[in-house]
Amino acid sequence: YNKIHKLVENYRLLPEFQNGEPMQFLKYGECV
């Protein structure tokens, strides 16, 4: 969970994670 939180924080502002499946996957990590 510590790594999940760190990765979510690192990826959240990246443009490739703003929509589509990458965005959904990142949001799922945040949900967990």
Full PDB file with SEQRES, HELIX, SHEET, SSBOND, CRYST1, ORIGX, SCALE, CONECT and MASTER records, all heavy atoms in Angstrom:
SEQRES   1 A   32  TYR ASN LYS ILE HIS LYS LEU VAL GLU ASN TYR ARG LEU          
SEQRES   2 A   32  LEU PRO GLU PHE GLN ASN GLY GLU PRO MET GLN PHE LEU          
SEQRES   3 A   32  LYS TYR GLY GLU CYS VAL                                      
HELIX    1 AA1 ASN A    2  TYR A   11  1                                  10    
HELIX    2 AA2 PRO A   15  PHE A   17  5                                   3    
HELIX    3 AA3 GLY A   20  CYS A   31  1                                  12    
CRYST1    1.000    1.000    1.000  90.00  90.00  90.00 P 1           1          
ORIGX1      1.000000  0.000000  0.000000        0.00000                         
ORIGX2      0.000000  1.000000  0.000000        0.00000                         
ORIGX3      0.000000  0.000000  1.000000        0.00000                         
SCALE1      1.000000  0.000000  0.000000        0.00000                         
SCALE2      0.000000  1.000000  0.000000        0.00000                         
SCALE3      0.000000  0.000000  1.000000        0.00000                         
ATOM      1  N   TYR A   1       0.804  -1.217   0.000  1.00  0.00           N  
ATOM      2  CA  TYR A   1       0.000   0.000   0.000  1.00  0.00           C  
ATOM      3  C   TYR A   1       0.838   1.269   0.000  1.00  0.00           C  
ATOM      4  O   TYR A   1       0.423   2.285  -0.573  1.00  0.00           O  
ATOM      5  CB  TYR A   1      -0.960  -0.020   1.193  1.00  0.00           C  
ATOM      6  CG  TYR A   1      -1.927  -1.175   1.126  1.00  0.00           C  
ATOM      7  CD1 TYR A   1      -1.887  -2.201   2.054  1.00  0.00           C  
ATOM      8  CD2 TYR A   1      -2.873  -1.237   0.097  1.00  0.00           C  
ATOM      9  CE1 TYR A   1      -2.773  -3.266   1.974  1.00  0.00           C  
ATOM     10  CE2 TYR A   1      -3.761  -2.290   0.011  1.00  0.00           C  
ATOM     11  CZ  TYR A   1      -3.703  -3.310   0.953  1.00  0.00           C  
ATOM     12  OH  TYR A   1      -4.569  -4.369   0.862  1.00  0.00           O  
ATOM     13  N   ASN A   2       1.991   1.242   0.631  1.00  0.00           N  
ATOM     14  CA  ASN A   2       2.869   2.418   0.591  1.00  0.00           C  
ATOM     15  C   ASN A   2       3.338   2.692  -0.825  1.00  0.00           C  
ATOM     16  O   ASN A   2       3.387   3.840  -1.284  1.00  0.00           O  
ATOM     17  CB  ASN A   2       4.075   2.212   1.517  1.00  0.00           C  
ATOM     18  CG  ASN A   2       3.698   2.290   2.984  1.00  0.00           C  
ATOM     19  OD1 ASN A   2       2.752   2.989   3.345  1.00  0.00           O  
ATOM     20  ND2 ASN A   2       4.416   1.564   3.811  1.00  0.00           N  
ATOM     21  N   LYS A   3       3.674   1.608  -1.536  1.00  0.00           N  
ATOM     22  CA  LYS A   3       4.121   1.770  -2.923  1.00  0.00           C  
ATOM     23  C   LYS A   3       2.962   2.212  -3.810  1.00  0.00           C  
ATOM     24  O   LYS A   3       3.143   3.046  -4.710  1.00  0.00           O  
ATOM     25  CB  LYS A   3       4.715   0.460  -3.435  1.00  0.00           C  
ATOM     26  CG  LYS A   3       5.355   0.585  -4.812  1.00  0.00           C  
ATOM     27  CD  LYS A   3       6.055  -0.697  -5.218  1.00  0.00           C  
ATOM     28  CE  LYS A   3       6.725  -0.529  -6.582  1.00  0.00           C  
ATOM     29  NZ  LYS A   3       7.409  -1.781  -7.005  1.00  0.00           N  
ATOM     30  N   ILE A   4       1.774   1.666  -3.564  1.00  0.00           N  
ATOM     31  CA  ILE A   4       0.594   2.070  -4.332  1.00  0.00           C  
ATOM     32  C   ILE A   4       0.382   3.576  -4.194  1.00  0.00           C  
ATOM     33  O   ILE A   4       0.194   4.287  -5.181  1.00  0.00           O  
ATOM     34  CB  ILE A   4      -0.668   1.317  -3.853  1.00  0.00           C  
ATOM     35  CG1 ILE A   4      -0.575  -0.166  -4.213  1.00  0.00           C  
ATOM     36  CG2 ILE A   4      -1.935   1.921  -4.469  1.00  0.00           C  
ATOM     37  CD1 ILE A   4      -1.636  -1.022  -3.553  1.00  0.00           C  
ATOM     38  N   HIS A   5       0.417   4.049  -2.950  1.00  0.00           N  
ATOM     39  CA  HIS A   5       0.203   5.480  -2.697  1.00  0.00           C  
ATOM     40  C   HIS A   5       1.261   6.329  -3.393  1.00  0.00           C  
ATOM     41  O   HIS A   5       0.943   7.353  -4.023  1.00  0.00           O  
ATOM     42  CB  HIS A   5       0.230   5.733  -1.187  1.00  0.00           C  
ATOM     43  CG  HIS A   5       0.016   7.170  -0.817  1.00  0.00           C  
ATOM     44  ND1 HIS A   5      -1.116   7.868  -1.158  1.00  0.00           N  
ATOM     45  CD2 HIS A   5       0.808   8.046  -0.144  1.00  0.00           C  
ATOM     46  CE1 HIS A   5      -1.024   9.100  -0.719  1.00  0.00           C  
ATOM     47  NE2 HIS A   5       0.133   9.241  -0.105  1.00  0.00           N  
ATOM     48  N   LYS A   6       2.498   5.897  -3.322  1.00  0.00           N  
ATOM     49  CA  LYS A   6       3.594   6.655  -3.942  1.00  0.00           C  
ATOM     50  C   LYS A   6       3.433   6.702  -5.454  1.00  0.00           C  
ATOM     51  O   LYS A   6       3.602   7.764  -6.080  1.00  0.00           O  
ATOM     52  CB  LYS A   6       4.930   6.010  -3.578  1.00  0.00           C  
ATOM     53  CG  LYS A   6       6.135   6.747  -4.138  1.00  0.00           C  
ATOM     54  CD  LYS A   6       7.441   6.078  -3.714  1.00  0.00           C  
ATOM     55  CE  LYS A   6       8.644   6.820  -4.301  1.00  0.00           C  
ATOM     56  NZ  LYS A   6       9.922   6.175  -3.904  1.00  0.00           N  
ATOM     57  N   LEU A   7       3.104   5.565  -6.073  1.00  0.00           N  
ATOM     58  CA  LEU A   7       2.947   5.523  -7.524  1.00  0.00           C  
ATOM     59  C   LEU A   7       1.768   6.366  -7.978  1.00  0.00           C  
ATOM     60  O   LEU A   7       1.847   7.078  -8.989  1.00  0.00           O  
ATOM     61  CB  LEU A   7       2.776   4.075  -7.992  1.00  0.00           C  
ATOM     62  CG  LEU A   7       4.012   3.180  -7.865  1.00  0.00           C  
ATOM     63  CD1 LEU A   7       3.672   1.737  -8.219  1.00  0.00           C  
ATOM     64  CD2 LEU A   7       5.139   3.688  -8.759  1.00  0.00           C  
ATOM     65  N   VAL A   8       0.658   6.295  -7.238  1.00  0.00           N  
ATOM     66  CA  VAL A   8      -0.512   7.100  -7.581  1.00  0.00           C  
ATOM     67  C   VAL A   8      -0.158   8.583  -7.546  1.00  0.00           C  
ATOM     68  O   VAL A   8      -0.515   9.354  -8.454  1.00  0.00           O  
ATOM     69  CB  VAL A   8      -1.679   6.806  -6.620  1.00  0.00           C  
ATOM     70  CG1 VAL A   8      -2.788   7.852  -6.766  1.00  0.00           C  
ATOM     71  CG2 VAL A   8      -2.256   5.414  -6.895  1.00  0.00           C  
ATOM     72  N   GLU A   9       0.557   8.993  -6.512  1.00  0.00           N  
ATOM     73  CA  GLU A   9       0.947  10.396  -6.401  1.00  0.00           C  
ATOM     74  C   GLU A   9       1.892  10.794  -7.539  1.00  0.00           C  
ATOM     75  O   GLU A   9       1.806  11.904  -8.078  1.00  0.00           O  
ATOM     76  CB  GLU A   9       1.635  10.633  -5.054  1.00  0.00           C  
ATOM     77  CG  GLU A   9       0.686  10.557  -3.867  1.00  0.00           C  
ATOM     78  CD  GLU A   9      -0.402  11.602  -3.933  1.00  0.00           C  
ATOM     79  OE1 GLU A   9      -0.072  12.789  -4.101  1.00  0.00           O  
ATOM     80  OE2 GLU A   9      -1.589  11.229  -3.857  1.00  0.00           O  
ATOM     81  N   ASN A  10       2.784   9.896  -7.913  1.00  0.00           N  
ATOM     82  CA  ASN A  10       3.746  10.197  -8.982  1.00  0.00           C  
ATOM     83  C   ASN A  10       3.084  10.282 -10.356  1.00  0.00           C  
ATOM     84  O   ASN A  10       3.498  11.062 -11.216  1.00  0.00           O  
ATOM     85  CB  ASN A  10       4.846   9.128  -9.023  1.00  0.00           C  
ATOM     86  CG  ASN A  10       5.797   9.236  -7.850  1.00  0.00           C  
ATOM     87  OD1 ASN A  10       5.849  10.251  -7.167  1.00  0.00           O  
ATOM     88  ND2 ASN A  10       6.547   8.176  -7.601  1.00  0.00           N  
ATOM     89  N   TYR A  11       2.044   9.457 -10.580  1.00  0.00           N  
ATOM     90  CA  TYR A  11       1.432   9.370 -11.901  1.00  0.00           C  
ATOM     91  C   TYR A  11       0.263  10.329 -12.098  1.00  0.00           C  
ATOM     92  O   TYR A  11      -0.131  10.619 -13.229  1.00  0.00           O  
ATOM     93  CB  TYR A  11       0.912   7.948 -12.159  1.00  0.00           C  
ATOM     94  CG  TYR A  11       1.958   6.859 -12.157  1.00  0.00           C  
ATOM     95  CD1 TYR A  11       1.585   5.521 -12.082  1.00  0.00           C  
ATOM     96  CD2 TYR A  11       3.326   7.153 -12.232  1.00  0.00           C  
ATOM     97  CE1 TYR A  11       2.540   4.506 -12.085  1.00  0.00           C  
ATOM     98  CE2 TYR A  11       4.281   6.155 -12.226  1.00  0.00           C  
ATOM     99  CZ  TYR A  11       3.873   4.822 -12.150  1.00  0.00           C  
ATOM    100  OH  TYR A  11       4.807   3.819 -12.144  1.00  0.00           O  
ATOM    101  N   ARG A  12      -0.311  10.808 -11.009  1.00  0.00           N  
ATOM    102  CA  ARG A  12      -1.595  11.516 -11.087  1.00  0.00           C  
ATOM    103  C   ARG A  12      -1.584  12.698 -12.047  1.00  0.00           C  
ATOM    104  O   ARG A  12      -2.558  12.945 -12.761  1.00  0.00           O  
ATOM    105  CB  ARG A  12      -2.001  11.977  -9.688  1.00  0.00           C  
ATOM    106  CG  ARG A  12      -3.373  12.662  -9.655  1.00  0.00           C  
ATOM    107  CD  ARG A  12      -3.717  13.092  -8.245  1.00  0.00           C  
ATOM    108  NE  ARG A  12      -4.132  11.964  -7.435  1.00  0.00           N  
ATOM    109  CZ  ARG A  12      -4.000  11.914  -6.102  1.00  0.00           C  
ATOM    110  NH1 ARG A  12      -3.417  12.920  -5.472  1.00  0.00           N  
ATOM    111  NH2 ARG A  12      -4.445  10.889  -5.434  1.00  0.00           N  
ATOM    112  N   LEU A  13      -0.504  13.435 -12.112  1.00  0.00           N  
ATOM    113  CA  LEU A  13      -0.445  14.645 -12.944  1.00  0.00           C  
ATOM    114  C   LEU A  13       0.124  14.399 -14.334  1.00  0.00           C  
ATOM    115  O   LEU A  13       0.209  15.329 -15.138  1.00  0.00           O  
ATOM    116  CB  LEU A  13       0.378  15.726 -12.229  1.00  0.00           C  
ATOM    117  CG  LEU A  13      -0.188  16.199 -10.885  1.00  0.00           C  
ATOM    118  CD1 LEU A  13       0.722  17.252 -10.265  1.00  0.00           C  
ATOM    119  CD2 LEU A  13      -1.603  16.737 -11.049  1.00  0.00           C  
ATOM    120  N   LEU A  14       0.517  13.166 -14.625  1.00  0.00           N  
ATOM    121  CA  LEU A  14       1.053  12.868 -15.957  1.00  0.00           C  
ATOM    122  C   LEU A  14      -0.069  12.915 -16.996  1.00  0.00           C  
ATOM    123  O   LEU A  14      -1.144  12.356 -16.764  1.00  0.00           O  
ATOM    124  CB  LEU A  14       1.717  11.495 -15.963  1.00  0.00           C  
ATOM    125  CG  LEU A  14       2.949  11.337 -15.057  1.00  0.00           C  
ATOM    126  CD1 LEU A  14       3.463   9.901 -15.119  1.00  0.00           C  
ATOM    127  CD2 LEU A  14       4.052  12.303 -15.474  1.00  0.00           C  
ATOM    128  N   PRO A  15       0.149  13.531 -18.133  1.00  0.00           N  
ATOM    129  CA  PRO A  15      -0.922  13.669 -19.134  1.00  0.00           C  
ATOM    130  C   PRO A  15      -1.468  12.340 -19.634  1.00  0.00           C  
ATOM    131  O   PRO A  15      -2.649  12.238 -19.947  1.00  0.00           O  
ATOM    132  CB  PRO A  15      -0.246  14.463 -20.268  1.00  0.00           C  
ATOM    133  CG  PRO A  15       1.220  14.316 -20.042  1.00  0.00           C  
ATOM    134  CD  PRO A  15       1.394  14.189 -18.569  1.00  0.00           C  
ATOM    135  N   GLU A  16      -0.616  11.309 -19.695  1.00  0.00           N  
ATOM    136  CA  GLU A  16      -1.096  10.027 -20.205  1.00  0.00           C  
ATOM    137  C   GLU A  16      -2.037   9.318 -19.239  1.00  0.00           C  
ATOM    138  O   GLU A  16      -2.675   8.320 -19.593  1.00  0.00           O  
ATOM    139  CB  GLU A  16       0.081   9.102 -20.555  1.00  0.00           C  
ATOM    140  CG  GLU A  16       0.988   8.750 -19.397  1.00  0.00           C  
ATOM    141  CD  GLU A  16       2.199   9.654 -19.313  1.00  0.00           C  
ATOM    142  OE1 GLU A  16       2.047  10.864 -19.581  1.00  0.00           O  
ATOM    143  OE2 GLU A  16       3.287   9.151 -18.993  1.00  0.00           O  
ATOM    144  N   PHE A  17      -2.157   9.826 -18.017  1.00  0.00           N  
ATOM    145  CA  PHE A  17      -3.058   9.226 -17.033  1.00  0.00           C  
ATOM    146  C   PHE A  17      -4.289  10.096 -16.784  1.00  0.00           C  
ATOM    147  O   PHE A  17      -4.942   9.965 -15.751  1.00  0.00           O  
ATOM    148  CB  PHE A  17      -2.316   8.975 -15.712  1.00  0.00           C  
ATOM    149  CG  PHE A  17      -1.405   7.788 -15.753  1.00  0.00           C  
ATOM    150  CD1 PHE A  17      -0.069   7.934 -16.090  1.00  0.00           C  
ATOM    151  CD2 PHE A  17      -1.877   6.515 -15.484  1.00  0.00           C  
ATOM    152  CE1 PHE A  17       0.783   6.831 -16.143  1.00  0.00           C  
ATOM    153  CE2 PHE A  17      -1.039   5.403 -15.536  1.00  0.00           C  
ATOM    154  CZ  PHE A  17       0.292   5.566 -15.866  1.00  0.00           C  
ATOM    155  N   GLN A  18      -4.622  10.941 -17.750  1.00  0.00           N  
ATOM    156  CA  GLN A  18      -5.760  11.833 -17.582  1.00  0.00           C  
ATOM    157  C   GLN A  18      -7.054  11.268 -18.154  1.00  0.00           C  
ATOM    158  O   GLN A  18      -8.133  11.762 -17.841  1.00  0.00           O  
ATOM    159  CB  GLN A  18      -5.459  13.189 -18.217  1.00  0.00           C  
ATOM    160  CG  GLN A  18      -4.284  13.922 -17.585  1.00  0.00           C  
ATOM    161  CD  GLN A  18      -4.416  14.085 -16.090  1.00  0.00           C  
ATOM    162  OE1 GLN A  18      -5.379  14.664 -15.610  1.00  0.00           O  
ATOM    163  NE2 GLN A  18      -3.459  13.544 -15.328  1.00  0.00           N  
ATOM    164  N   ASN A  19      -6.979  10.260 -19.008  1.00  0.00           N  
ATOM    165  CA  ASN A  19      -8.205   9.666 -19.562  1.00  0.00           C  
ATOM    166  C   ASN A  19      -7.936   8.244 -20.033  1.00  0.00           C  
ATOM    167  O   ASN A  19      -6.817   7.753 -19.948  1.00  0.00           O  
ATOM    168  CB  ASN A  19      -8.776  10.519 -20.706  1.00  0.00           C  
ATOM    169  CG  ASN A  19      -7.718  10.884 -21.731  1.00  0.00           C  
ATOM    170  OD1 ASN A  19      -6.795  10.123 -21.981  1.00  0.00           O  
ATOM    171  ND2 ASN A  19      -7.856  12.068 -22.324  1.00  0.00           N  
ATOM    172  N   GLY A  20      -9.003   7.588 -20.500  1.00  0.00           N  
ATOM    173  CA  GLY A  20      -8.874   6.217 -20.993  1.00  0.00           C  
ATOM    174  C   GLY A  20      -8.528   5.225 -19.894  1.00  0.00           C  
ATOM    175  O   GLY A  20      -8.692   5.486 -18.699  1.00  0.00           O  
ATOM    176  N   GLU A  21      -8.061   4.039 -20.293  1.00  0.00           N  
ATOM    177  CA  GLU A  21      -7.756   2.981 -19.345  1.00  0.00           C  
ATOM    178  C   GLU A  21      -6.650   3.341 -18.356  1.00  0.00           C  
ATOM    179  O   GLU A  21      -6.725   2.960 -17.184  1.00  0.00           O  
ATOM    180  CB  GLU A  21      -7.426   1.690 -20.084  1.00  0.00           C  
ATOM    181  CG  GLU A  21      -8.662   0.998 -20.620  1.00  0.00           C  
ATOM    182  CD  GLU A  21      -8.364  -0.376 -21.197  1.00  0.00           C  
ATOM    183  OE1 GLU A  21      -7.310  -0.540 -21.826  1.00  0.00           O  
ATOM    184  OE2 GLU A  21      -9.201  -1.270 -21.007  1.00  0.00           O  
ATOM    185  N   PRO A  22      -5.580   4.078 -18.775  1.00  0.00           N  
ATOM    186  CA  PRO A  22      -4.565   4.457 -17.777  1.00  0.00           C  
ATOM    187  C   PRO A  22      -5.163   5.258 -16.621  1.00  0.00           C  
ATOM    188  O   PRO A  22      -4.832   5.035 -15.462  1.00  0.00           O  
ATOM    189  CB  PRO A  22      -3.565   5.281 -18.591  1.00  0.00           C  
ATOM    190  CG  PRO A  22      -3.685   4.744 -19.981  1.00  0.00           C  
ATOM    191  CD  PRO A  22      -5.149   4.444 -20.143  1.00  0.00           C  
ATOM    192  N   MET A  23      -6.067   6.205 -16.948  1.00  0.00           N  
ATOM    193  CA  MET A  23      -6.732   6.984 -15.908  1.00  0.00           C  
ATOM    194  C   MET A  23      -7.546   6.078 -15.000  1.00  0.00           C  
ATOM    195  O   MET A  23      -7.496   6.196 -13.767  1.00  0.00           O  
ATOM    196  CB  MET A  23      -7.644   8.032 -16.549  1.00  0.00           C  
ATOM    197  CG  MET A  23      -8.486   8.849 -15.562  1.00  0.00           C  
ATOM    198  SD  MET A  23     -10.070   8.067 -15.102  1.00  0.00           S  
ATOM    199  CE  MET A  23     -10.988   8.246 -16.625  1.00  0.00           C  
ATOM    200  N   GLN A  24      -8.283   5.135 -15.588  1.00  0.00           N  
ATOM    201  CA  GLN A  24      -9.102   4.232 -14.789  1.00  0.00           C  
ATOM    202  C   GLN A  24      -8.249   3.367 -13.872  1.00  0.00           C  
ATOM    203  O   GLN A  24      -8.596   3.138 -12.711  1.00  0.00           O  
ATOM    204  CB  GLN A  24      -9.946   3.344 -15.716  1.00  0.00           C  
ATOM    205  CG  GLN A  24     -11.020   4.105 -16.479  1.00  0.00           C  
ATOM    206  CD  GLN A  24     -11.804   3.186 -17.392  1.00  0.00           C  
ATOM    207  OE1 GLN A  24     -11.249   2.359 -18.102  1.00  0.00           O  
ATOM    208  NE2 GLN A  24     -13.117   3.328 -17.381  1.00  0.00           N  
ATOM    209  N   PHE A  25      -7.141   2.891 -14.390  1.00  0.00           N  
ATOM    210  CA  PHE A  25      -6.277   2.027 -13.598  1.00  0.00           C  
ATOM    211  C   PHE A  25      -5.673   2.798 -12.432  1.00  0.00           C  
ATOM    212  O   PHE A  25      -5.584   2.294 -11.303  1.00  0.00           O  
ATOM    213  CB  PHE A  25      -5.158   1.446 -14.471  1.00  0.00           C  
ATOM    214  CG  PHE A  25      -4.592   0.172 -13.940  1.00  0.00           C  
ATOM    215  CD1 PHE A  25      -5.139  -1.048 -14.285  1.00  0.00           C  
ATOM    216  CD2 PHE A  25      -3.510   0.188 -13.076  1.00  0.00           C  
ATOM    217  CE1 PHE A  25      -4.629  -2.226 -13.779  1.00  0.00           C  
ATOM    218  CE2 PHE A  25      -2.984  -0.994 -12.563  1.00  0.00           C  
ATOM    219  CZ  PHE A  25      -3.549  -2.205 -12.920  1.00  0.00           C  
ATOM    220  N   LEU A  26      -5.267   4.020 -12.680  1.00  0.00           N  
ATOM    221  CA  LEU A  26      -4.703   4.851 -11.617  1.00  0.00           C  
ATOM    222  C   LEU A  26      -5.753   5.141 -10.551  1.00  0.00           C  
ATOM    223  O   LEU A  26      -5.472   5.086  -9.351  1.00  0.00           O  
ATOM    224  CB  LEU A  26      -4.175   6.159 -12.204  1.00  0.00           C  
ATOM    225  CG  LEU A  26      -3.397   7.055 -11.246  1.00  0.00           C  
ATOM    226  CD1 LEU A  26      -2.130   6.359 -10.758  1.00  0.00           C  
ATOM    227  CD2 LEU A  26      -3.038   8.366 -11.926  1.00  0.00           C  
ATOM    228  N   LYS A  27      -6.969   5.438 -10.981  1.00  0.00           N  
ATOM    229  CA  LYS A  27      -8.049   5.699 -10.028  1.00  0.00           C  
ATOM    230  C   LYS A  27      -8.347   4.451  -9.202  1.00  0.00           C  
ATOM    231  O   LYS A  27      -8.657   4.546  -8.003  1.00  0.00           O  
ATOM    232  CB  LYS A  27      -9.299   6.154 -10.773  1.00  0.00           C  
ATOM    233  CG  LYS A  27      -9.170   7.504 -11.443  1.00  0.00           C  
ATOM    234  CD  LYS A  27     -10.033   8.535 -10.776  1.00  0.00           C  
ATOM    235  CE  LYS A  27      -9.965   9.869 -11.501  1.00  0.00           C  
ATOM    236  NZ  LYS A  27     -10.571  10.933 -10.701  1.00  0.00           N  
ATOM    237  N   TYR A  28      -8.247   3.286  -9.834  1.00  0.00           N  
ATOM    238  CA  TYR A  28      -8.472   2.053  -9.076  1.00  0.00           C  
ATOM    239  C   TYR A  28      -7.417   1.914  -7.984  1.00  0.00           C  
ATOM    240  O   TYR A  28      -7.737   1.552  -6.841  1.00  0.00           O  
ATOM    241  CB  TYR A  28      -8.448   0.834  -9.994  1.00  0.00           C  
ATOM    242  CG  TYR A  28      -8.514  -0.460  -9.215  1.00  0.00           C  
ATOM    243  CD1 TYR A  28      -9.644  -0.778  -8.466  1.00  0.00           C  
ATOM    244  CD2 TYR A  28      -7.443  -1.346  -9.203  1.00  0.00           C  
ATOM    245  CE1 TYR A  28      -9.701  -1.948  -7.732  1.00  0.00           C  
ATOM    246  CE2 TYR A  28      -7.499  -2.516  -8.467  1.00  0.00           C  
ATOM    247  CZ  TYR A  28      -8.628  -2.815  -7.736  1.00  0.00           C  
ATOM    248  OH  TYR A  28      -8.683  -3.967  -6.995  1.00  0.00           O  
ATOM    249  N   GLY A  29      -6.150   2.190  -8.315  1.00  0.00           N  
ATOM    250  CA  GLY A  29      -5.096   2.140  -7.305  1.00  0.00           C  
ATOM    251  C   GLY A  29      -5.386   3.099  -6.161  1.00  0.00           C  
ATOM    252  O   GLY A  29      -5.185   2.772  -4.982  1.00  0.00           O  
ATOM    253  N   GLU A  30      -5.893   4.271  -6.511  1.00  0.00           N  
ATOM    254  CA  GLU A  30      -6.244   5.266  -5.489  1.00  0.00           C  
ATOM    255  C   GLU A  30      -7.401   4.759  -4.625  1.00  0.00           C  
ATOM    256  O   GLU A  30      -7.400   4.936  -3.400  1.00  0.00           O  
ATOM    257  CB  GLU A  30      -6.623   6.577  -6.176  1.00  0.00           C  
ATOM    258  CG  GLU A  30      -6.757   7.755  -5.253  1.00  0.00           C  
ATOM    259  CD  GLU A  30      -6.962   9.066  -6.000  1.00  0.00           C  
ATOM    260  OE1 GLU A  30      -6.998   9.039  -7.249  1.00  0.00           O  
ATOM    261  OE2 GLU A  30      -7.076  10.105  -5.326  1.00  0.00           O  
ATOM    262  N   CYS A  31      -8.374   4.096  -5.260  1.00  0.00           N  
ATOM    263  CA  CYS A  31      -9.508   3.528  -4.525  1.00  0.00           C  
ATOM    264  C   CYS A  31      -9.042   2.491  -3.510  1.00  0.00           C  
ATOM    265  O   CYS A  31      -9.504   2.468  -2.362  1.00  0.00           O  
ATOM    266  CB  CYS A  31     -10.482   2.855  -5.492  1.00  0.00           C  
ATOM    267  SG  CYS A  31     -11.430   3.976  -6.500  1.00  0.00           S  
ATOM    268  N   VAL A  32      -8.143   1.614  -3.939  1.00  0.00           N  
ATOM    269  CA  VAL A  32      -7.633   0.572  -3.054  1.00  0.00           C  
ATOM    270  C   VAL A  32      -6.964   1.199  -1.837  1.00  0.00           C  
ATOM    271  O   VAL A  32      -7.162   0.760  -0.700  1.00  0.00           O  
ATOM    272  CB  VAL A  32      -6.643  -0.344  -3.804  1.00  0.00           C  
ATOM    273  CG1 VAL A  32      -5.924  -1.279  -2.833  1.00  0.00           C  
ATOM    274  CG2 VAL A  32      -7.379  -1.153  -4.869  1.00  0.00           C  
TER     275      VAL A  32                                                      
MASTER        0    0    0    3    0    0    0    6  274    1    0    3          
END                                                                             
